[in-house]
Amino acid sequence: MSQDPESDSQEFATGGYLHILTHLYERVIVPEALAKSGNSVSRPQFEVLLYIQHHPHTRPSETARALGVSAPTMTAIIQRLEAKGLLAKVPASSDQRAVTLQLTEAGVQLLAAIEQEHTQALGTLVAGITAAQRQELVQLLKALLAAAAQTHDRRQLCLLCGNAHHPGCVLSQFPAQEYPKGADAP
């Protein structure tokens, strides 16, 4: 806490608003999009599908590491997604003993349906503010992400990228604190 009570209360208010918005997104918007998509996938299953969409032919161990789950947990998620016909294991091109993960056509279609529901939900959320306020919101969010990219390893910031930062990620536009490949962030 600083010596300025007004600054402290503003920081607390900002944190409170971010917490509420995070809660809204994580516990309302995303679950509703998953439910409306027509297939019963859990949040962890969705995260695996989304990661594989952006990182096709990734090994299960790499996916587990990127998403911060244990190998046994990843194995269970993969088995459930395979049983639903959303994900397939394919032999790795570099090592026939290893497998990589690939979305099936049903998995691609499901992610498209979830994305459509997600986009509609976010559109409804921001419909209550003016176009100028939406532009200002985007600018403020970019500034917040730029600050985060300076103080945190990008590998910790993005679900899509996980430990394998994707060049198309929104975080790529910001200068970042870089860490050696394979090194853990502080």
Protein backbone atom coordinates (compact mmCIF):
# COMPACT_ATOMS: atom_id res chain seq x y z
CA MET A 1 0.00 0.00 0.00
CA SER A 2 1.19 3.48 -0.78
CA GLN A 3 1.07 6.57 1.40
CA ASP A 4 -1.80 7.96 -0.73
CA PRO A 5 -5.17 6.58 0.47
CA GLU A 6 -6.94 7.79 -2.69
CA SER A 7 -4.44 5.94 -4.89
CA ASP A 8 -4.86 2.81 -2.77
CA SER A 9 -8.65 2.96 -3.04
CA GLN A 10 -8.42 3.45 -6.82
CA GLU A 11 -6.10 0.44 -7.09
CA PHE A 12 -8.52 -1.56 -4.94
CA ALA A 13 -11.48 -0.45 -7.06
CA THR A 14 -9.67 -1.33 -10.28
CA GLY A 15 -8.78 -4.75 -8.89
CA GLY A 16 -12.37 -5.21 -7.76
CA TYR A 17 -13.77 -4.36 -11.18
CA LEU A 18 -11.26 -6.63 -12.90
CA HIS A 19 -12.18 -9.41 -10.49
CA ILE A 20 -15.89 -9.00 -11.20
CA LEU A 21 -15.33 -8.92 -14.96
CA THR A 22 -13.08 -11.97 -14.75
CA HIS A 23 -15.75 -13.75 -12.73
CA LEU A 24 -18.41 -12.78 -15.29
CA TYR A 25 -16.27 -14.02 -18.16
CA GLU A 26 -15.03 -17.23 -16.53
CA ARG A 27 -18.21 -18.30 -14.76
CA VAL A 28 -20.97 -16.92 -16.96
CA ILE A 29 -19.96 -16.06 -20.53
CA VAL A 30 -17.68 -19.02 -21.28
CA PRO A 31 -19.90 -21.66 -19.60
CA GLU A 32 -22.96 -20.31 -21.41
CA ALA A 33 -21.11 -20.42 -24.74
CA LEU A 34 -20.05 -24.01 -24.01
CA ALA A 35 -23.62 -25.00 -23.04
CA LYS A 36 -25.21 -23.35 -26.09
CA SER A 37 -22.74 -24.91 -28.51
CA GLY A 38 -24.65 -28.19 -28.54
CA ASN A 39 -21.93 -30.46 -27.12
CA SER A 40 -21.19 -31.12 -23.49
CA VAL A 41 -17.52 -30.31 -23.07
CA SER A 42 -16.03 -29.18 -19.81
CA ARG A 43 -13.92 -26.06 -19.48
CA PRO A 44 -10.65 -28.07 -19.32
CA GLN A 45 -11.71 -30.05 -22.41
CA PHE A 46 -12.48 -26.79 -24.21
CA GLU A 47 -9.07 -25.39 -23.26
CA VAL A 48 -7.35 -28.47 -24.70
CA LEU A 49 -9.35 -28.22 -27.94
CA LEU A 50 -8.57 -24.52 -28.22
CA TYR A 51 -4.87 -25.10 -27.61
CA ILE A 52 -4.72 -27.90 -30.19
CA GLN A 53 -6.53 -25.67 -32.70
CA HIS A 54 -3.68 -23.17 -32.41
CA HIS A 55 -0.95 -25.79 -32.02
CA PRO A 56 -1.87 -28.77 -34.20
CA HIS A 57 0.22 -31.91 -33.91
CA THR A 58 1.36 -31.08 -30.38
CA ARG A 59 2.28 -33.98 -28.13
CA PRO A 60 0.11 -34.63 -25.08
CA SER A 61 3.01 -33.87 -22.72
CA GLU A 62 3.62 -30.51 -24.42
CA THR A 63 -0.09 -29.69 -24.19
CA ALA A 64 -0.18 -30.61 -20.50
CA ARG A 65 2.85 -28.44 -19.79
CA ALA A 66 1.44 -25.49 -21.75
CA LEU A 67 -1.91 -25.65 -19.95
CA GLY A 68 -0.42 -26.33 -16.53
CA VAL A 69 -2.00 -29.72 -15.87
CA SER A 70 -0.48 -33.04 -14.89
CA ALA A 71 0.15 -35.82 -17.39
CA PRO A 72 -2.52 -38.09 -15.84
CA THR A 73 -5.07 -35.27 -15.99
CA MET A 74 -4.20 -34.60 -19.63
CA THR A 75 -4.52 -38.30 -20.42
CA ALA A 76 -8.04 -38.37 -18.93
CA ILE A 77 -9.08 -35.24 -20.85
CA ILE A 78 -7.71 -36.64 -24.11
CA GLN A 79 -9.53 -39.95 -23.59
CA ARG A 80 -12.84 -38.13 -23.03
CA LEU A 81 -12.32 -35.94 -26.10
CA GLU A 82 -11.42 -38.98 -28.22
CA ALA A 83 -14.56 -40.78 -26.99
CA LYS A 84 -16.63 -37.76 -28.07
CA GLY A 85 -14.97 -37.83 -31.50
CA LEU A 86 -13.50 -34.34 -31.09
CA LEU A 87 -9.80 -35.16 -30.92
CA ALA A 88 -7.58 -37.80 -32.50
CA LYS A 89 -4.13 -39.11 -31.70
CA VAL A 90 -1.91 -39.43 -34.75
CA PRO A 91 1.59 -40.86 -34.96
CA ALA A 92 4.28 -38.20 -34.72
CA SER A 93 6.10 -37.68 -37.98
CA SER A 94 9.48 -37.52 -36.26
CA ASP A 95 8.98 -40.52 -33.95
CA GLN A 96 6.49 -43.27 -34.78
CA ARG A 97 6.42 -44.33 -31.11
CA ALA A 98 5.06 -40.93 -30.09
CA VAL A 99 1.65 -39.44 -30.80
CA THR A 100 0.47 -35.92 -31.49
CA LEU A 101 -2.99 -34.44 -31.08
CA GLN A 102 -5.22 -33.25 -33.88
CA LEU A 103 -8.78 -31.94 -33.96
CA THR A 104 -11.31 -34.02 -35.84
CA GLU A 105 -13.79 -32.33 -38.15
CA ALA A 106 -16.33 -32.54 -35.31
CA GLY A 107 -13.82 -30.80 -33.03
CA VAL A 108 -13.30 -28.01 -35.57
CA GLN A 109 -17.07 -27.57 -35.95
CA LEU A 110 -17.60 -27.52 -32.19
CA LEU A 111 -14.97 -24.80 -31.70
CA ALA A 112 -16.63 -22.75 -34.45
CA ALA A 113 -20.01 -23.08 -32.69
CA ILE A 114 -18.48 -22.11 -29.34
CA GLU A 115 -16.75 -19.13 -30.93
CA GLN A 116 -20.03 -17.96 -32.44
CA GLU A 117 -21.81 -18.20 -29.06
CA HIS A 118 -18.87 -16.52 -27.34
CA THR A 119 -18.86 -13.64 -29.84
CA GLN A 120 -22.61 -13.14 -29.43
CA ALA A 121 -22.31 -13.08 -25.64
CA LEU A 122 -19.50 -10.51 -25.73
CA GLY A 123 -21.46 -8.46 -28.26
CA THR A 124 -24.44 -8.42 -25.92
CA LEU A 125 -22.19 -7.40 -23.05
CA VAL A 126 -20.70 -4.39 -24.83
CA ALA A 127 -23.94 -3.38 -26.57
CA GLY A 128 -24.78 -1.29 -23.52
CA ILE A 129 -21.86 1.09 -24.04
CA THR A 130 -21.25 3.57 -26.83
CA ALA A 131 -18.86 3.03 -29.72
CA ALA A 132 -16.52 5.65 -28.22
CA GLN A 133 -16.57 3.82 -24.88
CA ARG A 134 -15.79 0.52 -26.64
CA GLN A 135 -12.81 2.14 -28.38
CA GLU A 136 -11.63 3.58 -25.08
CA LEU A 137 -12.06 0.17 -23.43
CA VAL A 138 -9.93 -1.47 -26.14
CA GLN A 139 -7.21 1.16 -25.66
CA LEU A 140 -7.23 0.67 -21.89
CA LEU A 141 -7.10 -3.11 -22.24
CA LYS A 142 -4.17 -2.80 -24.65
CA ALA A 143 -2.35 -0.58 -22.14
CA LEU A 144 -2.99 -3.12 -19.38
CA LEU A 145 -1.72 -5.97 -21.57
CA ALA A 146 1.36 -3.95 -22.51
CA ALA A 147 2.11 -3.46 -18.82
CA ALA A 148 1.55 -7.17 -18.14
CA ALA A 149 3.86 -8.11 -21.02
CA GLN A 150 6.60 -6.04 -19.39
CA THR A 151 6.29 -7.66 -15.98
CA HIS A 152 5.27 -11.24 -16.79
CA ASP A 153 6.54 -13.93 -19.08
CA ARG A 154 4.17 -14.15 -22.06
CA ARG A 155 4.12 -17.91 -21.66
CA GLN A 156 2.13 -17.31 -18.48
CA LEU A 157 -0.31 -14.83 -19.99
CA CYS A 158 -2.01 -16.53 -22.89
CA LEU A 159 -4.15 -19.66 -22.95
CA LEU A 160 -3.85 -19.97 -26.71
CA CYS A 161 -0.11 -19.83 -26.63
CA GLY A 162 0.74 -21.51 -23.38
CA ASN A 163 4.48 -22.15 -23.27
CA ALA A 164 4.75 -22.00 -27.07
CA HIS A 165 4.01 -18.35 -27.78
CA HIS A 166 2.14 -17.98 -31.07
CA PRO A 167 3.22 -15.07 -33.30
CA GLY A 168 -0.41 -14.23 -34.14
CA CYS A 169 -1.28 -13.66 -30.48
CA VAL A 170 -2.45 -10.20 -29.45
CA LEU A 171 0.47 -10.11 -27.00
CA SER A 172 2.92 -10.14 -29.92
CA GLN A 173 2.32 -6.45 -30.53
CA PHE A 174 3.80 -5.53 -27.16
CA PRO A 175 7.48 -5.55 -26.23
CA ALA A 176 7.97 -8.26 -23.69
CA GLN A 177 10.26 -9.43 -20.98
CA GLU A 178 11.89 -12.39 -22.69
CA TYR A 179 13.17 -15.47 -20.95
CA PRO A 180 15.49 -18.09 -22.47
CA LYS A 181 13.69 -20.96 -24.18
CA GLY A 182 12.87 -23.60 -21.63
CA ALA A 183 13.61 -21.30 -18.68
CA ASP A 184 10.99 -20.70 -16.06
CA ALA A 185 9.78 -17.18 -15.48
CA PRO A 186 10.66 -15.69 -12.11
